[in-house]
C-alpha atoms as a PDB file:
ATOM      1  CA  MET A   1      16.147  93.921  16.088  1.00  0.00           C
ATOM      2  CA  GLY A   2      17.541  90.191  15.651  1.00  0.00           C
ATOM      3  CA  HIS A   3      20.642  91.551  17.979  1.00  0.00           C
ATOM      4  CA  ASP A   4      18.341  92.621  20.557  1.00  0.00           C
ATOM      5  CA  VAL A   5      15.726  89.244  20.250  1.00  0.00           C
ATOM      6  CA  ALA A   6      19.667  86.866  20.395  1.00  0.00           C
ATOM      7  CA  GLY A   7      20.615  88.698  23.237  1.00  0.00           C
ATOM      8  CA  ALA A   8      17.226  88.593  24.940  1.00  0.00           C
ATOM      9  CA  LEU A   9      17.031  84.459  24.314  1.00  0.00           C
ATOM     10  CA  HIS A  10      20.768  84.393  25.516  1.00  0.00           C
ATOM     11  CA  ALA A  11      19.796  85.949  29.149  1.00  0.00           C
ATOM     12  CA  ILE A  12      16.665  83.896  29.294  1.00  0.00           C
ATOM     13  CA  LEU A  13      18.715  80.810  29.267  1.00  0.00           C
ATOM     14  CA  LEU A  14      21.154  82.866  31.488  1.00  0.00           C
ATOM     15  CA  ALA A  15      18.787  83.249  33.536  1.00  0.00           C
ATOM     16  CA  ALA A  16      17.345  79.755  33.678  1.00  0.00           C
ATOM     17  CA  LEU A  17      20.190  78.048  34.186  1.00  0.00           C
ATOM     18  CA  ALA A  18      21.353  80.726  37.520  1.00  0.00           C
ATOM     19  CA  ALA A  19      17.164  79.677  38.906  1.00  0.00           C
ATOM     20  CA  LEU A  20      18.013  75.983  38.501  1.00  0.00           C
ATOM     21  CA  LEU A  21      20.550  76.104  41.579  1.00  0.00           C
ATOM     22  CA  PRO A  22      17.577  77.492  44.180  1.00  0.00           C
ATOM     23  CA  VAL A  23      15.043  74.944  42.482  1.00  0.00           C
ATOM     24  CA  ALA A  24      18.028  72.586  43.698  1.00  0.00           C
ATOM     25  CA  LEU A  25      18.574  74.164  46.872  1.00  0.00           C
ATOM     26  CA  LEU A  26      14.719  74.061  47.906  1.00  0.00           C
ATOM     27  CA  ARG A  27      14.382  70.519  47.205  1.00  0.00           C
ATOM     28  CA  LEU A  28      17.708  69.107  48.965  1.00  0.00           C
ATOM     29  CA  GLY A  29      16.795  71.169  51.417  1.00  0.00           C
ATOM     30  CA  ALA A  30      13.279  70.264  52.587  1.00  0.00           C
ATOM     31  CA  ALA A  31      14.272  67.196  52.137  1.00  0.00           C
ATOM     32  CA  GLY A  32      17.070  67.405  55.048  1.00  0.00           C
ATOM     33  CA  VAL A  33      13.954  69.018  57.192  1.00  0.00           C
ATOM     34  CA  ARG A  34      11.710  66.014  56.853  1.00  0.00           C
ATOM     35  CA  ALA A  35      14.651  63.514  56.942  1.00  0.00           C
ATOM     36  CA  VAL A  36      16.339  65.275  60.343  1.00  0.00           C
ATOM     37  CA  ALA A  37      12.492  65.846  61.922  1.00  0.00           C
ATOM     38  CA  PRO A  38      11.036  63.576  64.328  1.00  0.00           C
ATOM     39  CA  HIS A  39       7.962  62.050  62.654  1.00  0.00           C
ATOM     40  CA  ASP A  40       5.053  63.851  63.879  1.00  0.00           C
ATOM     41  CA  ALA A  41       7.124  67.413  63.280  1.00  0.00           C
ATOM     42  CA  GLU A  42       4.051  67.801  60.429  1.00  0.00           C
ATOM     43  CA  ALA A  43       1.130  68.251  63.525  1.00  0.00           C
ATOM     44  CA  VAL A  44       3.483  71.035  65.173  1.00  0.00           C
ATOM     45  CA  PRO A  45       3.039  74.297  62.578  1.00  0.00           C
ATOM     46  CA  ALA A  46       4.600  75.669  65.467  1.00  0.00           C
ATOM     47  CA  LEU A  47       8.043  74.308  64.642  1.00  0.00           C
ATOM     48  CA  ARG A  48       8.009  75.072  61.132  1.00  0.00           C
ATOM     49  CA  ALA A  49       6.784  78.875  61.777  1.00  0.00           C
ATOM     50  CA  ALA A  50       9.672  79.412  63.689  1.00  0.00           C
ATOM     51  CA  GLY A  51      12.223  77.787  61.296  1.00  0.00           C
ATOM     52  CA  ALA A  52      10.791  80.047  58.488  1.00  0.00           C
ATOM     53  CA  VAL A  53      10.331  83.197  60.238  1.00  0.00           C
ATOM     54  CA  ALA A  54      14.044  82.620  61.941  1.00  0.00           C
ATOM     55  CA  GLY A  55      15.400  81.926  58.178  1.00  0.00           C
ATOM     56  CA  LEU A  56      13.323  84.858  56.660  1.00  0.00           C
ATOM     57  CA  ALA A  57      14.579  87.094  59.566  1.00  0.00           C
ATOM     58  CA  LEU A  58      18.537  86.192  59.218  1.00  0.00           C
ATOM     59  CA  GLY A  59      18.255  86.988  55.733  1.00  0.00           C
ATOM     60  CA  LEU A  60      16.955  90.311  55.391  1.00  0.00           C
ATOM     61  CA  ALA A  61      20.218  90.676  58.145  1.00  0.00           C
ATOM     62  CA  LEU A  62      22.552  89.176  55.825  1.00  0.00           C
ATOM     63  CA  LEU A  63      20.811  91.050  53.134  1.00  0.00           C
ATOM     64  CA  ALA A  64      21.557  94.536  55.306  1.00  0.00           C
ATOM     65  CA  THR A  65      24.984  93.683  56.667  1.00  0.00           C
ATOM     66  CA  THR A  66      26.428  93.513  53.019  1.00  0.00           C
ATOM     67  CA  PRO A  67      29.589  95.727  52.623  1.00  0.00           C
ATOM     68  CA  ASP A  68      27.285  97.235  50.370  1.00  0.00           C
ATOM     69  CA  PRO A  69      23.821  97.084  50.445  1.00  0.00           C
ATOM     70  CA  ALA A  70      23.245 100.099  48.520  1.00  0.00           C
ATOM     71  CA  ALA A  71      23.323  97.903  45.583  1.00  0.00           C
ATOM     72  CA  PHE A  72      20.014  96.680  45.747  1.00  0.00           C
ATOM     73  CA  LEU A  73      18.595  99.493  45.180  1.00  0.00           C
ATOM     74  CA  PRO A  74      17.355  99.822  41.439  1.00  0.00           C
ATOM     75  CA  GLY A  75      19.185 101.748  40.025  1.00  0.00           C
ATOM     76  CA  ARG A  76      22.229 100.119  40.957  1.00  0.00           C
ATOM     77  CA  MET A  77      20.643  96.992  39.227  1.00  0.00           C
ATOM     78  CA  LEU A  78      18.838  98.282  36.046  1.00  0.00           C
ATOM     79  CA  GLU A  79      22.662 100.723  35.068  1.00  0.00           C
ATOM     80  CA  ALA A  80      24.635  96.904  35.667  1.00  0.00           C
ATOM     81  CA  ALA A  81      27.134  98.433  37.683  1.00  0.00           C
ATOM     82  CA  ALA A  82      28.769  96.490  40.471  1.00  0.00           C
ATOM     83  CA  PRO A  83      28.524  93.619  41.125  1.00  0.00           C
ATOM     84  CA  TRP A  84      25.988  93.189  38.441  1.00  0.00           C
ATOM     85  CA  SER A  85      27.400  93.257  35.938  1.00  0.00           C
ATOM     86  CA  LEU A  86      29.692  90.064  36.347  1.00  0.00           C
ATOM     87  CA  GLY A  87      29.128  87.329  34.130  1.00  0.00           C
ATOM     88  CA  LEU A  88      26.843  83.869  35.649  1.00  0.00           C
ATOM     89  CA  GLY A  89      30.111  81.591  36.735  1.00  0.00           C
ATOM     90  CA  ARG A  90      31.695  85.030  38.598  1.00  0.00           C
ATOM     91  CA  PHE A  91      27.700  86.126  40.137  1.00  0.00           C
ATOM     92  CA  LEU A  92      27.686  82.421  41.582  1.00  0.00           C
ATOM     93  CA  SER A  93      31.218  82.057  42.731  1.00  0.00           C
ATOM     94  CA  ASP A  94      31.066  85.776  44.678  1.00  0.00           C
ATOM     95  CA  HIS A  95      27.160  85.325  45.461  1.00  0.00           C
ATOM     96  CA  ALA A  96      25.855  82.101  45.579  1.00  0.00           C
ATOM     97  CA  LEU A  97      26.309  81.900  48.897  1.00  0.00           C
ATOM     98  CA  PRO A  98      27.348  84.584  51.658  1.00  0.00           C
ATOM     99  CA  GLY A  99      30.801  85.798  52.133  1.00  0.00           C
ATOM    100  CA  VAL A 100      33.124  84.790  54.683  1.00  0.00           C
ATOM    101  CA  GLY A 101      32.544  87.599  56.352  1.00  0.00           C
ATOM    102  CA  ALA A 102      29.056  87.645  56.419  1.00  0.00           C
ATOM    103  CA  GLY A 103      29.210  85.639  60.329  1.00  0.00           C
ATOM    104  CA  ALA A 104      31.583  88.339  61.740  1.00  0.00           C
ATOM    105  CA  ALA A 105      29.063  91.012  60.176  1.00  0.00           C
ATOM    106  CA  LEU A 106      25.784  89.303  62.378  1.00  0.00           C
ATOM    107  CA  LEU A 107      27.650  89.016  65.388  1.00  0.00           C
ATOM    108  CA  ASP A 108      28.729  93.045  64.757  1.00  0.00           C
ATOM    109  CA  ALA A 109      24.743  93.511  64.482  1.00  0.00           C
ATOM    110  CA  LEU A 110      24.336  91.145  67.328  1.00  0.00           C
ATOM    111  CA  ARG A 111      26.346  93.149  69.644  1.00  0.00           C
ATOM    112  CA  ASN A 112      25.358  96.592  68.079  1.00  0.00           C
ATOM    113  CA  PRO A 113      21.479  96.209  67.524  1.00  0.00           C
ATOM    114  CA  ALA A 114      20.958 100.186  66.204  1.00  0.00           C
ATOM    115  CA  GLY A 115      19.233  99.648  62.231  1.00  0.00           C
ATOM    116  CA  ILE A 116      17.818  96.998  60.282  1.00  0.00           C
ATOM    117  CA  GLY A 117      20.771  94.520  60.194  1.00  0.00           C
ATOM    118  CA  GLY A 118      20.413  94.394  64.313  1.00  0.00           C
ATOM    119  CA  LEU A 119      17.370  93.872  64.754  1.00  0.00           C
ATOM    120  CA  ALA A 120      16.989  91.688  61.940  1.00  0.00           C
ATOM    121  CA  ALA A 121      19.524  89.636  63.828  1.00  0.00           C
ATOM    122  CA  TRP A 122      17.307  89.787  66.794  1.00  0.00           C
ATOM    123  CA  GLY A 123      15.029  88.645  65.162  1.00  0.00           C
ATOM    124  CA  SER A 124      15.870  85.117  64.481  1.00  0.00           C
ATOM    125  CA  ALA A 125      18.029  84.612  67.401  1.00  0.00           C
ATOM    126  CA  MET A 126      14.151  85.283  69.330  1.00  0.00           C
ATOM    127  CA  ALA A 127      12.508  83.105  66.510  1.00  0.00           C
ATOM    128  CA  LEU A 128      15.493  80.478  67.108  1.00  0.00           C
ATOM    129  CA  ALA A 129      14.668  79.971  70.997  1.00  0.00           C
ATOM    130  CA  CYS A 130      11.245  80.167  70.092  1.00  0.00           C
ATOM    131  CA  GLY A 131      11.690  76.689  68.115  1.00  0.00           C
ATOM    132  CA  VAL A 132      14.293  75.411  70.238  1.00  0.00           C
ATOM    133  CA  ALA A 133      11.827  76.051  73.059  1.00  0.00           C
ATOM    134  CA  VAL A 134       8.700  73.660  70.787  1.00  0.00           C
ATOM    135  CA  ALA A 135      11.156  71.596  70.226  1.00  0.00           C
ATOM    136  CA  THR A 136      11.885  70.633  74.071  1.00  0.00           C
ATOM    137  CA  ARG A 137       8.403  70.924  75.473  1.00  0.00           C
ATOM    138  CA  LEU A 138       6.923  68.456  72.753  1.00  0.00           C
ATOM    139  CA  TRP A 139       9.696  66.069  72.344  1.00  0.00           C
ATOM    140  CA  ASN A 140      12.302  64.429  74.999  1.00  0.00           C
ATOM    141  CA  GLY A 141      16.324  63.106  74.130  1.00  0.00           C
ATOM    142  CA  ILE A 142      16.509  62.434  70.661  1.00  0.00           C
ATOM    143  CA  ASP A 143      13.783  63.418  68.721  1.00  0.00           C
ATOM    144  CA  ALA A 144      13.815  66.848  70.874  1.00  0.00           C
ATOM    145  CA  LEU A 145      17.375  66.900  69.310  1.00  0.00           C
ATOM    146  CA  ARG A 146      16.508  66.485  65.484  1.00  0.00           C
ATOM    147  CA  ALA A 147      13.464  68.697  66.142  1.00  0.00           C
ATOM    148  CA  MET A 148      15.863  71.399  66.624  1.00  0.00           C
ATOM    149  CA  ALA A 149      18.325  70.226  64.345  1.00  0.00           C
ATOM    150  CA  ALA A 150      14.963  70.546  61.831  1.00  0.00           C
ATOM    151  CA  VAL A 151      14.363  74.743  63.104  1.00  0.00           C
ATOM    152  CA  LEU A 152      18.574  75.306  62.452  1.00  0.00           C
ATOM    153  CA  LEU A 153      18.114  73.693  59.098  1.00  0.00           C
ATOM    154  CA  GLN A 154      15.006  75.412  58.269  1.00  0.00           C
ATOM    155  CA  ALA A 155      16.198  78.473  59.212  1.00  0.00           C
ATOM    156  CA  GLY A 156      19.680  77.888  57.245  1.00  0.00           C
ATOM    157  CA  LEU A 157      17.634  77.167  54.273  1.00  0.00           C
ATOM    158  CA  VAL A 158      14.895  80.041  53.770  1.00  0.00           C
ATOM    159  CA  ALA A 159      17.704  82.644  55.055  1.00  0.00           C
ATOM    160  CA  ALA A 160      19.920  80.881  51.885  1.00  0.00           C
ATOM    161  CA  LEU A 161      16.884  80.950  49.583  1.00  0.00           C
ATOM    162  CA  LEU A 162      15.990  85.176  50.590  1.00  0.00           C
ATOM    163  CA  HIS A 163      20.144  85.472  50.091  1.00  0.00           C
ATOM    164  CA  TYR A 164      20.561  84.327  46.151  1.00  0.00           C
ATOM    165  CA  GLY A 165      16.973  85.271  45.450  1.00  0.00           C
ATOM    166  CA  LEU A 166      17.380  88.773  45.777  1.00  0.00           C
ATOM    167  CA  HIS A 167      20.972  88.687  44.127  1.00  0.00           C
ATOM    168  CA  LEU A 168      19.683  86.370  41.474  1.00  0.00           C
ATOM    169  CA  ALA A 169      16.586  89.408  40.878  1.00  0.00           C
ATOM    170  CA  GLY A 170      19.548  92.130  40.669  1.00  0.00           C
ATOM    171  CA  TRP A 171      21.978  89.928  38.510  1.00  0.00           C
ATOM    172  CA  LEU A 172      19.079  89.343  36.257  1.00  0.00           C
ATOM    173  CA  ALA A 173      17.659  93.191  36.170  1.00  0.00           C
ATOM    174  CA  ALA A 174      20.969  94.090  35.430  1.00  0.00           C
ATOM    175  CA  ARG A 175      21.310  91.406  32.474  1.00  0.00           C
ATOM    176  CA  MET A 176      17.982  91.790  30.891  1.00  0.00           C
ATOM    177  CA  GLY A 177      17.104  94.901  32.310  1.00  0.00           C
ATOM    178  CA  PHE A 178      13.311  95.619  30.422  1.00  0.00           C
ATOM    179  CA  TRP A 179      13.137  92.312  29.692  1.00  0.00           C
ATOM    180  CA  THR A 180      13.118  91.035  33.544  1.00  0.00           C
ATOM    181  CA  PHE A 181       9.381  92.728  34.043  1.00  0.00           C
ATOM    182  CA  GLY A 182       8.711  89.841  31.175  1.00  0.00           C
ATOM    183  CA  LEU A 183      10.074  87.106  32.594  1.00  0.00           C
ATOM    184  CA  ALA A 184       8.823  88.188  35.902  1.00  0.00           C
ATOM    185  CA  LEU A 185       5.495  88.584  34.139  1.00  0.00           C
ATOM    186  CA  LEU A 186       5.238  85.346  33.179  1.00  0.00           C
ATOM    187  CA  LEU A 187       6.211  83.756  36.070  1.00  0.00           C
ATOM    188  CA  PHE A 188       3.879  85.427  37.920  1.00  0.00           C
ATOM    189  CA  GLN A 189       1.270  83.478  35.302  1.00  0.00           C
ATOM    190  CA  ARG A 190       2.074  80.733  35.942  1.00  0.00           C
ATOM    191  CA  TRP A 191       2.541  80.648  38.961  1.00  0.00           C
ATOM    192  CA  ARG A 192      -1.312  82.206  39.373  1.00  0.00           C
ATOM    193  CA  TYR A 193      -2.662  79.340  36.822  1.00  0.00           C
ATOM    194  CA  ALA A 194      -0.906  76.421  38.574  1.00  0.00           C
ATOM    195  CA  PRO A 195      -2.773  73.300  39.874  1.00  0.00           C
ATOM    196  CA  ARG A 196      -3.414  73.550  43.812  1.00  0.00           C
ATOM    197  CA  PRO A 197      -3.347  70.224  45.488  1.00  0.00           C
ATOM    198  CA  ALA A 198      -6.484  69.506  46.625  1.00  0.00           C
ATOM    199  CA  HIS A 199      -6.893  69.327  50.827  1.00  0.00           C
END
């Protein structure tokens, strides 16, 4: 019993360390988007929506075009099969960001838009085009370029968070087993009862 508790505490510590990366990425990325965007971009929700949709679609395309998409099936995760059996350092180096072949896989998906990967890749491209259209319609010169850069940066941030978040979920499920559900419930309760900013 004591060994099980110690193992669970060790797994929770590793989970906390792994979870620091997306938190830091989110804070830095959001600050970068605000710094790059024109000062009045907050008043244009269509610009933020375009970046968010493009990022979600891009993240889905990255996951769908991985060499082993079946690794995300619950059975593979819970039985701690590869790639979920890696240690923390190897996991971060291999899965914190998309691999070197991700760009080529996305290009192949765009050229052959069959399946989820191709549809998601084209969806991301169309959302980016909408963001560029909004930027060029509402701003001119440097501000238009800044708005387009903000859309691209937001899309990249959302895609990176989705990619890492789902890999982290699989890694945690493999490392913690049953304890994963307890941690998920704890995080949900924390989010549910967190104070909301007044509007």
